[in-house]
Amino acid sequence: MPAGKHKSRSLRRVFVKTPGKGTKIHYRKRKPSKQVCSDCGSVLQGIPTLIQSKFKNLPLTKKRPQRPYGGTLCSSCMRKKIRSQVIKCLK
């Protein structure tokens, strides 16, 4: 019978093979969902999907792309936004 803290589905169940030819259940935290672009909703590239305790220990350069709007907009939406801002300034 699992302990009370393991009964909820907030933890995922991982079946691990043991050296004695058996299997044992390990309870691990679920991975968070992938980051999406705030304009088009496509999945952002270059952002790891880690649990918060591991993500906070990464250096800033590994957390998001090094470009304007990195981590919030995909590259195509970023280009569109910069172009529209340049066109506004020229008018």
PDB file of N, CA and C in Angstrom:
ATOM      1  N   MET A   1       0.837  -1.181   0.000  1.00  0.00           N
ATOM      2  CA  MET A   1       0.000   0.000   0.000  1.00  0.00           C
ATOM      3  C   MET A   1       0.885   1.249   0.000  1.00  0.00           C
ATOM      4  N   PRO A   2       0.662   2.188  -0.938  1.00  0.00           N
ATOM      5  CA  PRO A   2       1.513   3.380  -0.967  1.00  0.00           C
ATOM      6  C   PRO A   2       1.209   4.320   0.198  1.00  0.00           C
ATOM      7  N   ALA A   3       2.193   5.092   0.546  1.00  0.00           N
ATOM      8  CA  ALA A   3       2.003   6.084   1.609  1.00  0.00           C
ATOM      9  C   ALA A   3       1.016   7.150   1.137  1.00  0.00           C
ATOM     10  N   GLY A   4       0.438   7.867   2.061  1.00  0.00           N
ATOM     11  CA  GLY A   4      -0.579   8.851   1.720  1.00  0.00           C
ATOM     12  C   GLY A   4      -0.083   9.919   0.773  1.00  0.00           C
ATOM     13  N   LYS A   5       1.184  10.337   0.913  1.00  0.00           N
ATOM     14  CA  LYS A   5       1.725  11.384   0.051  1.00  0.00           C
ATOM     15  C   LYS A   5       1.907  10.906  -1.394  1.00  0.00           C
ATOM     16  N   HIS A   6       1.910   9.595  -1.620  1.00  0.00           N
ATOM     17  CA  HIS A   6       2.093   9.059  -2.962  1.00  0.00           C
ATOM     18  C   HIS A   6       0.782   8.706  -3.656  1.00  0.00           C
ATOM     19  N   LYS A   7      -0.339   8.914  -2.995  1.00  0.00           N
ATOM     20  CA  LYS A   7      -1.614   8.515  -3.581  1.00  0.00           C
ATOM     21  C   LYS A   7      -2.129   9.495  -4.625  1.00  0.00           C
ATOM     22  N   SER A   8      -1.715  10.748  -4.539  1.00  0.00           N
ATOM     23  CA  SER A   8      -2.208  11.729  -5.513  1.00  0.00           C
ATOM     24  C   SER A   8      -1.471  11.558  -6.837  1.00  0.00           C
ATOM     25  N   ARG A   9      -2.068  12.056  -7.897  1.00  0.00           N
ATOM     26  CA  ARG A   9      -1.445  11.937  -9.217  1.00  0.00           C
ATOM     27  C   ARG A   9      -0.565  13.134  -9.552  1.00  0.00           C
ATOM     28  N   SER A  10      -0.267  13.980  -8.548  1.00  0.00           N
ATOM     29  CA  SER A  10       0.644  15.085  -8.810  1.00  0.00           C
ATOM     30  C   SER A  10       2.061  14.563  -9.030  1.00  0.00           C
ATOM     31  N   LEU A  11       2.362  13.393  -8.474  1.00  0.00           N
ATOM     32  CA  LEU A  11       3.648  12.748  -8.710  1.00  0.00           C
ATOM     33  C   LEU A  11       3.461  11.655  -9.754  1.00  0.00           C
ATOM     34  N   ARG A  12       4.409  11.541 -10.681  1.00  0.00           N
ATOM     35  CA  ARG A  12       4.286  10.493 -11.687  1.00  0.00           C
ATOM     36  C   ARG A  12       4.948   9.221 -11.181  1.00  0.00           C
ATOM     37  N   ARG A  13       4.472   8.109 -11.678  1.00  0.00           N
ATOM     38  CA  ARG A  13       4.986   6.817 -11.262  1.00  0.00           C
ATOM     39  C   ARG A  13       5.973   6.298 -12.308  1.00  0.00           C
ATOM     40  N   VAL A  14       7.173   5.976 -11.858  1.00  0.00           N
ATOM     41  CA  VAL A  14       8.212   5.462 -12.737  1.00  0.00           C
ATOM     42  C   VAL A  14       8.558   4.067 -12.264  1.00  0.00           C
ATOM     43  N   PHE A  15       8.429   3.097 -13.144  1.00  0.00           N
ATOM     44  CA  PHE A  15       8.767   1.721 -12.801  1.00  0.00           C
ATOM     45  C   PHE A  15      10.251   1.510 -13.058  1.00  0.00           C
ATOM     46  N   VAL A  16      10.980   1.137 -12.008  1.00  0.00           N
ATOM     47  CA  VAL A  16      12.432   0.976 -12.079  1.00  0.00           C
ATOM     48  C   VAL A  16      12.764  -0.487 -11.859  1.00  0.00           C
ATOM     49  N   LYS A  17      13.591  -1.052 -12.745  1.00  0.00           N
ATOM     50  CA  LYS A  17      14.018  -2.439 -12.572  1.00  0.00           C
ATOM     51  C   LYS A  17      15.105  -2.501 -11.512  1.00  0.00           C
ATOM     52  N   THR A  18      14.970  -3.446 -10.610  1.00  0.00           N
ATOM     53  CA  THR A  18      15.951  -3.630  -9.553  1.00  0.00           C
ATOM     54  C   THR A  18      16.901  -4.762  -9.932  1.00  0.00           C
ATOM     55  N   PRO A  19      18.079  -4.820  -9.312  1.00  0.00           N
ATOM     56  CA  PRO A  19      19.026  -5.886  -9.639  1.00  0.00           C
ATOM     57  C   PRO A  19      18.492  -7.289  -9.352  1.00  0.00           C
ATOM     58  N   GLY A  20      17.509  -7.403  -8.471  1.00  0.00           N
ATOM     59  CA  GLY A  20      16.970  -8.712  -8.126  1.00  0.00           C
ATOM     60  C   GLY A  20      15.848  -9.160  -9.042  1.00  0.00           C
ATOM     61  N   LYS A  21      15.822  -8.684 -10.283  1.00  0.00           N
ATOM     62  CA  LYS A  21      14.842  -9.055 -11.306  1.00  0.00           C
ATOM     63  C   LYS A  21      13.408  -8.696 -10.913  1.00  0.00           C
ATOM     64  N   GLY A  22      13.272  -7.621 -10.207  1.00  0.00           N
ATOM     65  CA  GLY A  22      11.939  -7.144  -9.850  1.00  0.00           C
ATOM     66  C   GLY A  22      11.765  -5.708 -10.330  1.00  0.00           C
ATOM     67  N   THR A  23      10.589  -5.188 -10.127  1.00  0.00           N
ATOM     68  CA  THR A  23      10.359  -3.782 -10.436  1.00  0.00           C
ATOM     69  C   THR A  23       9.847  -3.086  -9.191  1.00  0.00           C
ATOM     70  N   LYS A  24      10.177  -1.813  -9.098  1.00  0.00           N
ATOM     71  CA  LYS A  24       9.782  -1.017  -7.960  1.00  0.00           C
ATOM     72  C   LYS A  24       9.279   0.323  -8.476  1.00  0.00           C
ATOM     73  N   ILE A  25       8.305   0.896  -7.813  1.00  0.00           N
ATOM     74  CA  ILE A  25       7.759   2.172  -8.242  1.00  0.00           C
ATOM     75  C   ILE A  25       8.503   3.298  -7.534  1.00  0.00           C
ATOM     76  N   HIS A  26       9.032   4.246  -8.334  1.00  0.00           N
ATOM     77  CA  HIS A  26       9.599   5.475  -7.806  1.00  0.00           C
ATOM     78  C   HIS A  26       8.631   6.598  -8.132  1.00  0.00           C
ATOM     79  N   TYR A  27       8.443   7.517  -7.201  1.00  0.00           N
ATOM     80  CA  TYR A  27       7.539   8.643  -7.398  1.00  0.00           C
ATOM     81  C   TYR A  27       8.383   9.879  -7.667  1.00  0.00           C
ATOM     82  N   ARG A  28       8.191  10.484  -8.837  1.00  0.00           N
ATOM     83  CA  ARG A  28       8.971  11.648  -9.233  1.00  0.00           C
ATOM     84  C   ARG A  28       8.054  12.791  -9.614  1.00  0.00           C
ATOM     85  N   LYS A  29       8.574  14.003  -9.516  1.00  0.00           N
ATOM     86  CA  LYS A  29       7.782  15.176  -9.887  1.00  0.00           C
ATOM     87  C   LYS A  29       7.579  15.197 -11.390  1.00  0.00           C
ATOM     88  N   ARG A  30       6.450  15.724 -11.814  1.00  0.00           N
ATOM     89  CA  ARG A  30       6.165  15.830 -13.245  1.00  0.00           C
ATOM     90  C   ARG A  30       6.913  17.010 -13.838  1.00  0.00           C
ATOM     91  N   LYS A  31       7.245  16.889 -15.119  1.00  0.00           N
ATOM     92  CA  LYS A  31       7.875  17.995 -15.812  1.00  0.00           C
ATOM     93  C   LYS A  31       6.822  19.053 -16.124  1.00  0.00           C
ATOM     94  N   PRO A  32       7.203  20.323 -16.085  1.00  0.00           N
ATOM     95  CA  PRO A  32       6.239  21.358 -16.440  1.00  0.00           C
ATOM     96  C   PRO A  32       5.999  21.363 -17.943  1.00  0.00           C
ATOM     97  N   SER A  33       4.930  22.026 -18.365  1.00  0.00           N
ATOM     98  CA  SER A  33       4.626  22.098 -19.791  1.00  0.00           C
ATOM     99  C   SER A  33       5.639  23.001 -20.482  1.00  0.00           C
ATOM    100  N   LYS A  34       5.753  22.874 -21.788  1.00  0.00           N
ATOM    101  CA  LYS A  34       6.712  23.660 -22.552  1.00  0.00           C
ATOM    102  C   LYS A  34       6.239  25.096 -22.664  1.00  0.00           C
ATOM    103  N   GLN A  35       7.197  26.016 -22.747  1.00  0.00           N
ATOM    104  CA  GLN A  35       6.880  27.434 -22.891  1.00  0.00           C
ATOM    105  C   GLN A  35       6.372  27.696 -24.299  1.00  0.00           C
ATOM    106  N   VAL A  36       5.388  28.586 -24.428  1.00  0.00           N
ATOM    107  CA  VAL A  36       4.824  28.901 -25.730  1.00  0.00           C
ATOM    108  C   VAL A  36       4.947  30.388 -26.000  1.00  0.00           C
ATOM    109  N   CYS A  37       4.926  30.737 -27.278  1.00  0.00           N
ATOM    110  CA  CYS A  37       4.996  32.128 -27.726  1.00  0.00           C
ATOM    111  C   CYS A  37       3.718  32.842 -27.293  1.00  0.00           C
ATOM    112  N   SER A  38       3.865  34.082 -26.822  1.00  0.00           N
ATOM    113  CA  SER A  38       2.691  34.805 -26.343  1.00  0.00           C
ATOM    114  C   SER A  38       1.827  35.327 -27.487  1.00  0.00           C
ATOM    115  N   ASP A  39       2.374  35.411 -28.700  1.00  0.00           N
ATOM    116  CA  ASP A  39       1.576  35.877 -29.845  1.00  0.00           C
ATOM    117  C   ASP A  39       0.902  34.727 -30.583  1.00  0.00           C
ATOM    118  N   CYS A  40       1.716  33.783 -31.080  1.00  0.00           N
ATOM    119  CA  CYS A  40       1.161  32.739 -31.952  1.00  0.00           C
ATOM    120  C   CYS A  40       0.882  31.423 -31.222  1.00  0.00           C
ATOM    121  N   GLY A  41       1.474  31.216 -30.049  1.00  0.00           N
ATOM    122  CA  GLY A  41       1.217  29.999 -29.287  1.00  0.00           C
ATOM    123  C   GLY A  41       2.078  28.817 -29.666  1.00  0.00           C
ATOM    124  N   SER A  42       3.090  29.012 -30.523  1.00  0.00           N
ATOM    125  CA  SER A  42       3.966  27.904 -30.883  1.00  0.00           C
ATOM    126  C   SER A  42       4.979  27.651 -29.766  1.00  0.00           C
ATOM    127  N   VAL A  43       5.542  26.460 -29.736  1.00  0.00           N
ATOM    128  CA  VAL A  43       6.491  26.087 -28.690  1.00  0.00           C
ATOM    129  C   VAL A  43       7.790  26.849 -28.892  1.00  0.00           C
ATOM    130  N   LEU A  44       8.323  27.440 -27.818  1.00  0.00           N
ATOM    131  CA  LEU A  44       9.561  28.200 -27.892  1.00  0.00           C
ATOM    132  C   LEU A  44      10.764  27.265 -27.882  1.00  0.00           C
ATOM    133  N   GLN A  45      11.718  27.544 -28.743  1.00  0.00           N
ATOM    134  CA  GLN A  45      12.944  26.763 -28.825  1.00  0.00           C
ATOM    135  C   GLN A  45      13.992  27.363 -27.895  1.00  0.00           C
ATOM    136  N   GLY A  46      14.860  26.538 -27.350  1.00  0.00           N
ATOM    137  CA  GLY A  46      15.976  27.019 -26.550  1.00  0.00           C
ATOM    138  C   GLY A  46      15.671  27.227 -25.082  1.00  0.00           C
ATOM    139  N   ILE A  47      14.492  26.802 -24.621  1.00  0.00           N
ATOM    140  CA  ILE A  47      14.152  26.933 -23.207  1.00  0.00           C
ATOM    141  C   ILE A  47      13.949  25.532 -22.646  1.00  0.00           C
ATOM    142  N   PRO A  48      14.764  25.119 -21.668  1.00  0.00           N
ATOM    143  CA  PRO A  48      14.619  23.767 -21.138  1.00  0.00           C
ATOM    144  C   PRO A  48      13.358  23.631 -20.293  1.00  0.00           C
ATOM    145  N   THR A  49      12.765  22.446 -20.306  1.00  0.00           N
ATOM    146  CA  THR A  49      11.600  22.176 -19.465  1.00  0.00           C
ATOM    147  C   THR A  49      12.070  21.362 -18.269  1.00  0.00           C
ATOM    148  N   LEU A  50      12.421  22.064 -17.214  1.00  0.00           N
ATOM    149  CA  LEU A  50      12.905  21.438 -15.996  1.00  0.00           C
ATOM    150  C   LEU A  50      11.987  21.823 -14.850  1.00  0.00           C
ATOM    151  N   ILE A  51      12.026  21.034 -13.779  1.00  0.00           N
ATOM    152  CA  ILE A  51      11.277  21.423 -12.594  1.00  0.00           C
ATOM    153  C   ILE A  51      11.954  22.651 -11.994  1.00  0.00           C
ATOM    154  N   GLN A  52      11.188  23.437 -11.243  1.00  0.00           N
ATOM    155  CA  GLN A  52      11.633  24.743 -10.786  1.00  0.00           C
ATOM    156  C   GLN A  52      12.917  24.676  -9.972  1.00  0.00           C
ATOM    157  N   SER A  53      13.078  23.653  -9.156  1.00  0.00           N
ATOM    158  CA  SER A  53      14.267  23.568  -8.306  1.00  0.00           C
ATOM    159  C   SER A  53      15.541  23.370  -9.124  1.00  0.00           C
ATOM    160  N   LYS A  54      15.445  22.739 -10.292  1.00  0.00           N
ATOM    161  CA  LYS A  54      16.627  22.577 -11.149  1.00  0.00           C
ATOM    162  C   LYS A  54      16.792  23.764 -12.090  1.00  0.00           C
ATOM    163  N   PHE A  55      15.671  24.366 -12.492  1.00  0.00           N
ATOM    164  CA  PHE A  55      15.714  25.484 -13.434  1.00  0.00           C
ATOM    165  C   PHE A  55      16.347  26.720 -12.799  1.00  0.00           C
ATOM    166  N   LYS A  56      16.107  26.936 -11.499  1.00  0.00           N
ATOM    167  CA  LYS A  56      16.623  28.143 -10.850  1.00  0.00           C
ATOM    168  C   LYS A  56      18.137  28.108 -10.692  1.00  0.00           C
ATOM    169  N   ASN A  57      18.747  26.927 -10.744  1.00  0.00           N
ATOM    170  CA  ASN A  57      20.198  26.819 -10.607  1.00  0.00           C
ATOM    171  C   ASN A  57      20.929  26.964 -11.934  1.00  0.00           C
ATOM    172  N   LEU A  58      20.198  27.051 -13.049  1.00  0.00           N
ATOM    173  CA  LEU A  58      20.844  27.250 -14.342  1.00  0.00           C
ATOM    174  C   LEU A  58      21.336  28.683 -14.473  1.00  0.00           C
ATOM    175  N   PRO A  59      22.423  28.910 -15.223  1.00  0.00           N
ATOM    176  CA  PRO A  59      22.810  30.288 -15.497  1.00  0.00           C
ATOM    177  C   PRO A  59      21.801  30.949 -16.437  1.00  0.00           C
ATOM    178  N   LEU A  60      21.773  32.273 -16.424  1.00  0.00           N
ATOM    179  CA  LEU A  60      20.771  33.021 -17.186  1.00  0.00           C
ATOM    180  C   LEU A  60      20.871  32.741 -18.682  1.00  0.00           C
ATOM    181  N   THR A  61      22.092  32.483 -19.181  1.00  0.00           N
ATOM    182  CA  THR A  61      22.259  32.232 -20.611  1.00  0.00           C
ATOM    183  C   THR A  61      21.648  30.912 -21.051  1.00  0.00           C
ATOM    184  N   LYS A  62      21.444  29.983 -20.116  1.00  0.00           N
ATOM    185  CA  LYS A  62      20.829  28.693 -20.454  1.00  0.00           C
ATOM    186  C   LYS A  62      19.309  28.716 -20.281  1.00  0.00           C
ATOM    187  N   LYS A  63      18.779  29.753 -19.629  1.00  0.00           N
ATOM    188  CA  LYS A  63      17.352  29.806 -19.347  1.00  0.00           C
ATOM    189  C   LYS A  63      16.531  30.306 -20.526  1.00  0.00           C
ATOM    190  N   ARG A  64      17.126  31.174 -21.343  1.00  0.00           N
ATOM    191  CA  ARG A  64      16.373  31.759 -22.453  1.00  0.00           C
ATOM    192  C   ARG A  64      17.332  32.167 -23.558  1.00  0.00           C
ATOM    193  N   PRO A  65      16.835  32.356 -24.793  1.00  0.00           N
ATOM    194  CA  PRO A  65      17.705  32.794 -25.888  1.00  0.00           C
ATOM    195  C   PRO A  65      18.189  34.230 -25.668  1.00  0.00           C
ATOM    196  N   GLN A  66      19.374  34.519 -26.146  1.00  0.00           N
ATOM    197  CA  GLN A  66      19.962  35.850 -25.993  1.00  0.00           C
ATOM    198  C   GLN A  66      19.577  36.722 -27.181  1.00  0.00           C
ATOM    199  N   ARG A  67      18.342  37.184 -27.211  1.00  0.00           N
ATOM    200  CA  ARG A  67      17.874  38.099 -28.255  1.00  0.00           C
ATOM    201  C   ARG A  67      16.734  38.917 -27.659  1.00  0.00           C
ATOM    202  N   PRO A  68      16.339  39.997 -28.328  1.00  0.00           N
ATOM    203  CA  PRO A  68      15.206  40.766 -27.801  1.00  0.00           C
ATOM    204  C   PRO A  68      13.960  39.892 -27.716  1.00  0.00           C
ATOM    205  N   TYR A  69      13.206  40.045 -26.659  1.00  0.00           N
ATOM    206  CA  TYR A  69      12.000  39.263 -26.391  1.00  0.00           C
ATOM    207  C   TYR A  69      12.301  37.770 -26.264  1.00  0.00           C
ATOM    208  N   GLY A  70      13.538  37.410 -25.943  1.00  0.00           N
ATOM    209  CA  GLY A  70      13.900  36.011 -25.775  1.00  0.00           C
ATOM    210  C   GLY A  70      13.176  35.408 -24.578  1.00  0.00           C
ATOM    211  N   GLY A  71      12.514  34.298 -24.779  1.00  0.00           N
ATOM    212  CA  GLY A  71      11.777  33.655 -23.715  1.00  0.00           C
ATOM    213  C   GLY A  71      10.301  33.998 -23.696  1.00  0.00           C
ATOM    214  N   THR A  72       9.879  34.997 -24.487  1.00  0.00           N
ATOM    215  CA  THR A  72       8.456  35.340 -24.540  1.00  0.00           C
ATOM    216  C   THR A  72       7.889  35.225 -25.950  1.00  0.00           C
ATOM    217  N   LEU A  73       8.697  35.577 -26.966  1.00  0.00           N
ATOM    218  CA  LEU A  73       8.233  35.502 -28.356  1.00  0.00           C
ATOM    219  C   LEU A  73       9.123  34.545 -29.140  1.00  0.00           C
ATOM    220  N   CYS A  74       8.526  33.866 -30.135  1.00  0.00           N
ATOM    221  CA  CYS A  74       9.333  33.034 -31.031  1.00  0.00           C
ATOM    222  C   CYS A  74      10.076  33.964 -31.988  1.00  0.00           C
ATOM    223  N   SER A  75      11.020  33.432 -32.743  1.00  0.00           N
ATOM    224  CA  SER A  75      11.876  34.270 -33.572  1.00  0.00           C
ATOM    225  C   SER A  75      11.099  34.972 -34.681  1.00  0.00           C
ATOM    226  N   SER A  76      10.105  34.293 -35.265  1.00  0.00           N
ATOM    227  CA  SER A  76       9.348  34.929 -36.340  1.00  0.00           C
ATOM    228  C   SER A  76       8.468  36.059 -35.815  1.00  0.00           C
ATOM    229  N   CYS A  77       7.825  35.870 -34.658  1.00  0.00           N
ATOM    230  CA  CYS A  77       7.004  36.934 -34.069  1.00  0.00           C
ATOM    231  C   CYS A  77       7.870  38.097 -33.609  1.00  0.00           C
ATOM    232  N   MET A  78       9.093  37.801 -33.141  1.00  0.00           N
ATOM    233  CA  MET A  78      10.004  38.845 -32.729  1.00  0.00           C
ATOM    234  C   MET A  78      10.386  39.716 -33.921  1.00  0.00           C
ATOM    235  N   ARG A  79      10.660  39.081 -35.066  1.00  0.00           N
ATOM    236  CA  ARG A  79      11.000  39.846 -36.270  1.00  0.00           C
ATOM    237  C   ARG A  79       9.850  40.743 -36.696  1.00  0.00           C
ATOM    238  N   LYS A  80       8.629  40.197 -36.666  1.00  0.00           N
ATOM    239  CA  LYS A  80       7.457  40.994 -37.036  1.00  0.00           C
ATOM    240  C   LYS A  80       7.290  42.188 -36.118  1.00  0.00           C
ATOM    241  N   LYS A  81       7.490  41.988 -34.824  1.00  0.00           N
ATOM    242  CA  LYS A  81       7.315  43.066 -33.859  1.00  0.00           C
ATOM    243  C   LYS A  81       8.355  44.163 -34.055  1.00  0.00           C
ATOM    244  N   ILE A  82       9.612  43.775 -34.282  1.00  0.00           N
ATOM    245  CA  ILE A  82      10.670  44.768 -34.490  1.00  0.00           C
ATOM    246  C   ILE A  82      10.428  45.534 -35.779  1.00  0.00           C
ATOM    247  N   ARG A  83      10.000  44.833 -36.829  1.00  0.00           N
ATOM    248  CA  ARG A  83       9.715  45.519 -38.097  1.00  0.00           C
ATOM    249  C   ARG A  83       8.565  46.512 -37.950  1.00  0.00           C
ATOM    250  N   SER A  84       7.528  46.110 -37.218  1.00  0.00           N
ATOM    251  CA  SER A  84       6.396  47.036 -37.038  1.00  0.00           C
ATOM    252  C   SER A  84       6.798  48.250 -36.215  1.00  0.00           C
ATOM    253  N   GLN A  85       7.708  48.085 -35.240  1.00  0.00           N
ATOM    254  CA  GLN A  85       8.178  49.219 -34.455  1.00  0.00           C
ATOM    255  C   GLN A  85       9.028  50.164 -35.292  1.00  0.00           C
ATOM    256  N   VAL A  86       9.839  49.611 -36.201  1.00  0.00           N
ATOM    257  CA  VAL A  86      10.664  50.439 -37.072  1.00  0.00           C
ATOM    258  C   VAL A  86       9.770  51.227 -38.026  1.00  0.00           C
ATOM    259  N   ILE A  87       8.749  50.580 -38.563  1.00  0.00           N
ATOM    260  CA  ILE A  87       7.840  51.255 -39.476  1.00  0.00           C
ATOM    261  C   ILE A  87       7.096  52.379 -38.758  1.00  0.00           C
ATOM    262  N   LYS A  88       6.712  52.165 -37.478  1.00  0.00           N
ATOM    263  CA  LYS A  88       6.050  53.220 -36.698  1.00  0.00           C
ATOM    264  C   LYS A  88       6.958  54.421 -36.511  1.00  0.00           C
ATOM    265  N   CYS A  89       8.254  54.145 -36.252  1.00  0.00           N
ATOM    266  CA  CYS A  89       9.211  55.243 -36.029  1.00  0.00           C
ATOM    267  C   CYS A  89       9.445  56.049 -37.309  1.00  0.00           C
ATOM    268  N   LEU A  90       9.403  55.394 -38.452  1.00  0.00           N
ATOM    269  CA  LEU A  90       9.664  56.068 -39.718  1.00  0.00           C
ATOM    270  C   LEU A  90       8.499  56.949 -40.166  1.00  0.00           C
ATOM    271  N   LYS A  91       7.295  56.626 -39.687  1.00  0.00           N
ATOM    272  CA  LYS A  91       6.127  57.401 -40.128  1.00  0.00           C
ATOM    273  C   LYS A  91       6.018  58.709 -39.412  1.00  0.00           C
TER     274      LYS A  91
END
